[in-house]
Structures are given as C-alpha cells and as structure tokens.
C-alpha cells in the first residue's frame, strides 16, 4: 500500500515514518543480462548460469548495483508525492550489500523516512533508509541510506 504526500507540509509530517514494504519482484536472468549489457559488467557469476553452478553461490546472482538501481522503481510503490514542482535524488550516504540476490529469487523494498529538514527556503531534504529484502533470507541484499530533495 502506497502513502500519498501532497505538498511540502505533508512531506515534513513524514519524519520518522515507516513506509512499509512493496510487493515482491522476481529477479530474472534476462534482467541480469540486460543490466550486464548496459554496464559492460559480464562477470560470469552474473551471466553464465552453467559456470555459476560450480561457483561460490551455486547459481548466477544479480549485480549489487542492479539491486541498488531497483530501489528507484520500488520506492514509487511506497510513496506517491504530489503538489510539488520537483524532486531530485540528492545522493547516497551509505550503501552495503550484506547478501547476494540469486537469479530467480524475489525481492521487496522496506523504506523508513529519517528526519525531514528544510533546504534552500522552498524545499525539504528527506533521508530514507531502504532495505532490499530477499524472500526466505534472514539477511538483506542491500541497505542504502538515500537522500532526496523536494521543492515547492
């Protein structure tokens, strides 16, 4: 279920909010291969299922940066922002990849808002802690502290 925030006041009121979790999304070999083509990262642990069977993970795994990039569309399932002129991804403060995402696994995103602060007189800065969970795994695949700026 998505949260809707209309305008800067609604965003300010989200300080400390737990935005919940998204639906599960399967990570396919096709998606991994497409990401490998886009980034020129064709390491065998990502793109060679036969060789990966004898590797450290027993099968191919998603690139860490693919997992990180999926935060963007998944975040759209958690928060719908309206009534502002612009939102920008301001950056990341910290990113970790505690466990791999095996091809065929399903992931989902959990988002928690930090303290929303004023910026530039007509906007807010919203830090979020994102956790990419892997179905059936005790450890997350990715934990990222992202910062977004929203302007009136």
C-alpha atoms as a PDB file:
ATOM      1  CA  UNK A   1       0.000   0.000   0.000  1.00  0.00           C
ATOM      2  CA  UNK A   2       1.394   3.374  -1.014  1.00  0.00           C
ATOM      3  CA  UNK A   3       1.489   6.538   1.071  1.00  0.00           C
ATOM      4  CA  UNK A   4       0.491   9.762  -0.683  1.00  0.00           C
ATOM      5  CA  UNK A   5       2.047  13.076   0.347  1.00  0.00           C
ATOM      6  CA  UNK A   6       0.654  16.267  -1.183  1.00  0.00           C
ATOM      7  CA  UNK A   7       2.976  19.244  -0.803  1.00  0.00           C
ATOM      8  CA  UNK A   8       5.892  20.081   1.435  1.00  0.00           C
ATOM      9  CA  UNK A   9       3.883  20.110   4.672  1.00  0.00           C
ATOM     10  CA  UNK A  10       2.838  16.506   4.095  1.00  0.00           C
ATOM     11  CA  UNK A  11       6.471  15.572   3.449  1.00  0.00           C
ATOM     12  CA  UNK A  12       7.562  17.307   6.659  1.00  0.00           C
ATOM     13  CA  UNK A  13       4.995  15.240   8.532  1.00  0.00           C
ATOM     14  CA  UNK A  14       6.612  12.025   7.305  1.00  0.00           C
ATOM     15  CA  UNK A  15       9.672  12.439   9.568  1.00  0.00           C
ATOM     16  CA  UNK A  16      10.322   9.056  11.147  1.00  0.00           C
ATOM     17  CA  UNK A  17       7.578   7.296   9.184  1.00  0.00           C
ATOM     18  CA  UNK A  18       7.785   3.627   8.293  1.00  0.00           C
ATOM     19  CA  UNK A  19       6.561   3.470   4.696  1.00  0.00           C
ATOM     20  CA  UNK A  20       6.123  -0.291   4.817  1.00  0.00           C
ATOM     21  CA  UNK A  21       7.094  -2.829   2.187  1.00  0.00           C
ATOM     22  CA  UNK A  22       6.491  -3.226  -1.528  1.00  0.00           C
ATOM     23  CA  UNK A  23       5.168  -6.248  -3.351  1.00  0.00           C
ATOM     24  CA  UNK A  24       7.671  -8.973  -4.203  1.00  0.00           C
ATOM     25  CA  UNK A  25       9.522  -8.715  -7.539  1.00  0.00           C
ATOM     26  CA  UNK A  26      11.325 -11.632  -9.195  1.00  0.00           C
ATOM     27  CA  UNK A  27      14.883 -11.176 -10.406  1.00  0.00           C
ATOM     28  CA  UNK A  28      15.211 -12.929 -13.767  1.00  0.00           C
ATOM     29  CA  UNK A  29      18.300 -13.927 -15.715  1.00  0.00           C
ATOM     30  CA  UNK A  30      17.042 -11.741 -18.555  1.00  0.00           C
ATOM     31  CA  UNK A  31      17.058  -8.669 -16.284  1.00  0.00           C
ATOM     32  CA  UNK A  32      20.558  -9.511 -15.045  1.00  0.00           C
ATOM     33  CA  UNK A  33      21.826  -9.978 -18.602  1.00  0.00           C
ATOM     34  CA  UNK A  34      20.262  -6.684 -19.726  1.00  0.00           C
ATOM     35  CA  UNK A  35      21.948  -4.903 -16.820  1.00  0.00           C
ATOM     36  CA  UNK A  36      25.258  -6.575 -17.720  1.00  0.00           C
ATOM     37  CA  UNK A  37      24.895  -5.300 -21.297  1.00  0.00           C
ATOM     38  CA  UNK A  38      24.063  -1.772 -20.115  1.00  0.00           C
ATOM     39  CA  UNK A  39      27.037  -1.601 -17.743  1.00  0.00           C
ATOM     40  CA  UNK A  40      29.574  -3.775 -19.593  1.00  0.00           C
ATOM     41  CA  UNK A  41      29.839  -5.957 -16.476  1.00  0.00           C
ATOM     42  CA  UNK A  42      29.639  -9.514 -17.789  1.00  0.00           C
ATOM     43  CA  UNK A  43      31.326 -11.283 -14.883  1.00  0.00           C
ATOM     44  CA  UNK A  44      30.432 -14.978 -15.030  1.00  0.00           C
ATOM     45  CA  UNK A  45      28.794 -15.046 -11.576  1.00  0.00           C
ATOM     46  CA  UNK A  46      26.083 -12.854 -13.132  1.00  0.00           C
ATOM     47  CA  UNK A  47      25.805 -14.031 -16.733  1.00  0.00           C
ATOM     48  CA  UNK A  48      26.979 -17.645 -17.077  1.00  0.00           C
ATOM     49  CA  UNK A  49      24.465 -19.992 -15.398  1.00  0.00           C
ATOM     50  CA  UNK A  50      26.427 -23.156 -16.224  1.00  0.00           C
ATOM     51  CA  UNK A  51      29.713 -21.910 -14.778  1.00  0.00           C
ATOM     52  CA  UNK A  52      27.938 -20.282 -11.823  1.00  0.00           C
ATOM     53  CA  UNK A  53      26.541 -23.690 -10.772  1.00  0.00           C
ATOM     54  CA  UNK A  54      30.070 -24.598  -9.640  1.00  0.00           C
ATOM     55  CA  UNK A  55      30.816 -21.153  -8.220  1.00  0.00           C
ATOM     56  CA  UNK A  56      30.508 -19.780  -4.691  1.00  0.00           C
ATOM     57  CA  UNK A  57      26.742 -19.107  -4.907  1.00  0.00           C
ATOM     58  CA  UNK A  58      25.624 -22.250  -6.772  1.00  0.00           C
ATOM     59  CA  UNK A  59      23.871 -20.190  -9.437  1.00  0.00           C
ATOM     60  CA  UNK A  60      24.002 -16.749 -11.017  1.00  0.00           C
ATOM     61  CA  UNK A  61      23.378 -13.718  -8.861  1.00  0.00           C
ATOM     62  CA  UNK A  62      22.231 -10.174  -9.580  1.00  0.00           C
ATOM     63  CA  UNK A  63      24.790  -7.390  -9.683  1.00  0.00           C
ATOM     64  CA  UNK A  64      24.815  -5.374  -6.460  1.00  0.00           C
ATOM     65  CA  UNK A  65      24.299  -2.220  -8.483  1.00  0.00           C
ATOM     66  CA  UNK A  66      21.291  -3.783 -10.223  1.00  0.00           C
ATOM     67  CA  UNK A  67      19.777  -4.419  -6.807  1.00  0.00           C
ATOM     68  CA  UNK A  68      20.566  -0.823  -5.814  1.00  0.00           C
ATOM     69  CA  UNK A  69      19.039   0.578  -9.016  1.00  0.00           C
ATOM     70  CA  UNK A  70      15.775  -1.262  -8.387  1.00  0.00           C
ATOM     71  CA  UNK A  71      15.243   0.883  -5.299  1.00  0.00           C
ATOM     72  CA  UNK A  72      14.045   3.660  -7.623  1.00  0.00           C
ATOM     73  CA  UNK A  73      11.019   1.885  -9.146  1.00  0.00           C
ATOM     74  CA  UNK A  74      10.264   0.057  -5.900  1.00  0.00           C
ATOM     75  CA  UNK A  75      10.273   3.346  -3.957  1.00  0.00           C
ATOM     76  CA  UNK A  76       7.475   4.518  -6.267  1.00  0.00           C
ATOM     77  CA  UNK A  77       5.326   1.744  -4.790  1.00  0.00           C
ATOM     78  CA  UNK A  78       5.869   3.125  -1.269  1.00  0.00           C
ATOM     79  CA  UNK A  79       5.430   6.877  -1.661  1.00  0.00           C
ATOM     80  CA  UNK A  80       3.458   8.965  -4.147  1.00  0.00           C
ATOM     81  CA  UNK A  81       4.431  12.650  -3.951  1.00  0.00           C
ATOM     82  CA  UNK A  82       2.175  15.312  -5.469  1.00  0.00           C
ATOM     83  CA  UNK A  83       1.810  19.076  -5.168  1.00  0.00           C
ATOM     84  CA  UNK A  84       5.479  19.978  -5.601  1.00  0.00           C
ATOM     85  CA  UNK A  85       7.430  21.253  -8.599  1.00  0.00           C
ATOM     86  CA  UNK A  86      10.450  18.962  -8.479  1.00  0.00           C
ATOM     87  CA  UNK A  87      12.072  16.037  -6.698  1.00  0.00           C
ATOM     88  CA  UNK A  88      15.716  15.078  -7.102  1.00  0.00           C
ATOM     89  CA  UNK A  89      17.804  12.171  -5.929  1.00  0.00           C
ATOM     90  CA  UNK A  90      20.446  14.088  -3.945  1.00  0.00           C
ATOM     91  CA  UNK A  91      22.664  11.075  -3.323  1.00  0.00           C
ATOM     92  CA  UNK A  92      23.552   8.208  -1.054  1.00  0.00           C
ATOM     93  CA  UNK A  93      25.228   8.401   2.323  1.00  0.00           C
ATOM     94  CA  UNK A  94      25.948   4.688   2.744  1.00  0.00           C
ATOM     95  CA  UNK A  95      25.323   1.502   0.777  1.00  0.00           C
ATOM     96  CA  UNK A  96      26.010  -2.083   1.777  1.00  0.00           C
ATOM     97  CA  UNK A  97      25.306  -5.446   0.105  1.00  0.00           C
ATOM     98  CA  UNK A  98      25.120  -7.964   3.004  1.00  0.00           C
ATOM     99  CA  UNK A  99      23.965 -10.911   0.871  1.00  0.00           C
ATOM    100  CA  UNK A 100      23.561 -11.778  -2.822  1.00  0.00           C
ATOM    101  CA  UNK A 101      20.320 -11.944  -4.795  1.00  0.00           C
ATOM    102  CA  UNK A 102      20.214 -15.294  -6.601  1.00  0.00           C
ATOM    103  CA  UNK A 103      18.592 -15.251 -10.020  1.00  0.00           C
ATOM    104  CA  UNK A 104      15.035 -16.491  -9.585  1.00  0.00           C
ATOM    105  CA  UNK A 105      14.729 -15.007  -6.092  1.00  0.00           C
ATOM    106  CA  UNK A 106      12.138 -12.404  -5.194  1.00  0.00           C
ATOM    107  CA  UNK A 107      12.965  -9.085  -3.554  1.00  0.00           C
ATOM    108  CA  UNK A 108      10.964  -6.309  -1.955  1.00  0.00           C
ATOM    109  CA  UNK A 109      11.775  -2.889  -0.520  1.00  0.00           C
ATOM    110  CA  UNK A 110      11.241  -1.606   3.011  1.00  0.00           C
ATOM    111  CA  UNK A 111      11.519   2.165   3.458  1.00  0.00           C
ATOM    112  CA  UNK A 112      11.843   4.317   6.574  1.00  0.00           C
ATOM    113  CA  UNK A 113      11.971   8.118   6.477  1.00  0.00           C
ATOM    114  CA  UNK A 114      14.554   9.908   8.592  1.00  0.00           C
ATOM    115  CA  UNK A 115      14.255  13.484   9.874  1.00  0.00           C
ATOM    116  CA  UNK A 116      12.934  15.760   7.132  1.00  0.00           C
ATOM    117  CA  UNK A 117      14.748  19.127   7.114  1.00  0.00           C
ATOM    118  CA  UNK A 118      14.299  22.485   5.372  1.00  0.00           C
ATOM    119  CA  UNK A 119      16.588  23.335   2.427  1.00  0.00           C
ATOM    120  CA  UNK A 120      17.002  26.435   0.273  1.00  0.00           C
ATOM    121  CA  UNK A 121      13.958  28.195   1.714  1.00  0.00           C
ATOM    122  CA  UNK A 122      11.496  26.452  -0.582  1.00  0.00           C
ATOM    123  CA  UNK A 123      12.175  22.761  -0.158  1.00  0.00           C
ATOM    124  CA  UNK A 124      12.846  19.834   2.119  1.00  0.00           C
ATOM    125  CA  UNK A 125      15.545  17.223   2.328  1.00  0.00           C
ATOM    126  CA  UNK A 126      14.268  13.739   3.081  1.00  0.00           C
ATOM    127  CA  UNK A 127      16.688  10.999   4.117  1.00  0.00           C
ATOM    128  CA  UNK A 128      15.455   7.439   3.780  1.00  0.00           C
ATOM    129  CA  UNK A 129      16.805   4.100   4.850  1.00  0.00           C
ATOM    130  CA  UNK A 130      15.992   1.466   2.256  1.00  0.00           C
ATOM    131  CA  UNK A 131      16.337  -2.250   2.899  1.00  0.00           C
ATOM    132  CA  UNK A 132      16.077  -4.669  -0.020  1.00  0.00           C
ATOM    133  CA  UNK A 133      14.831  -7.941   1.413  1.00  0.00           C
ATOM    134  CA  UNK A 134      15.206 -11.351  -0.262  1.00  0.00           C
ATOM    135  CA  UNK A 135      12.315 -13.726   0.220  1.00  0.00           C
ATOM    136  CA  UNK A 136      13.338 -16.525   2.591  1.00  0.00           C
ATOM    137  CA  UNK A 137      16.649 -14.919   3.577  1.00  0.00           C
ATOM    138  CA  UNK A 138      17.465 -13.664   7.059  1.00  0.00           C
ATOM    139  CA  UNK A 139      19.952 -11.118   5.655  1.00  0.00           C
ATOM    140  CA  UNK A 140      19.018  -8.228   3.377  1.00  0.00           C
ATOM    141  CA  UNK A 141      20.529  -7.929  -0.083  1.00  0.00           C
ATOM    142  CA  UNK A 142      21.076  -4.185   0.193  1.00  0.00           C
ATOM    143  CA  UNK A 143      20.812  -1.483   2.825  1.00  0.00           C
ATOM    144  CA  UNK A 144      21.078   2.055   1.471  1.00  0.00           C
ATOM    145  CA  UNK A 145      20.751   5.475   3.053  1.00  0.00           C
ATOM    146  CA  UNK A 146      19.405   7.740   0.321  1.00  0.00           C
ATOM    147  CA  UNK A 147      18.730  11.469   0.323  1.00  0.00           C
ATOM    148  CA  UNK A 148      16.033  13.160  -1.743  1.00  0.00           C
ATOM    149  CA  UNK A 149      15.245  16.844  -2.124  1.00  0.00           C
ATOM    150  CA  UNK A 150      11.738  18.086  -2.897  1.00  0.00           C
ATOM    151  CA  UNK A 151      10.957  21.665  -3.946  1.00  0.00           C
ATOM    152  CA  UNK A 152       7.740  23.681  -3.954  1.00  0.00           C
END
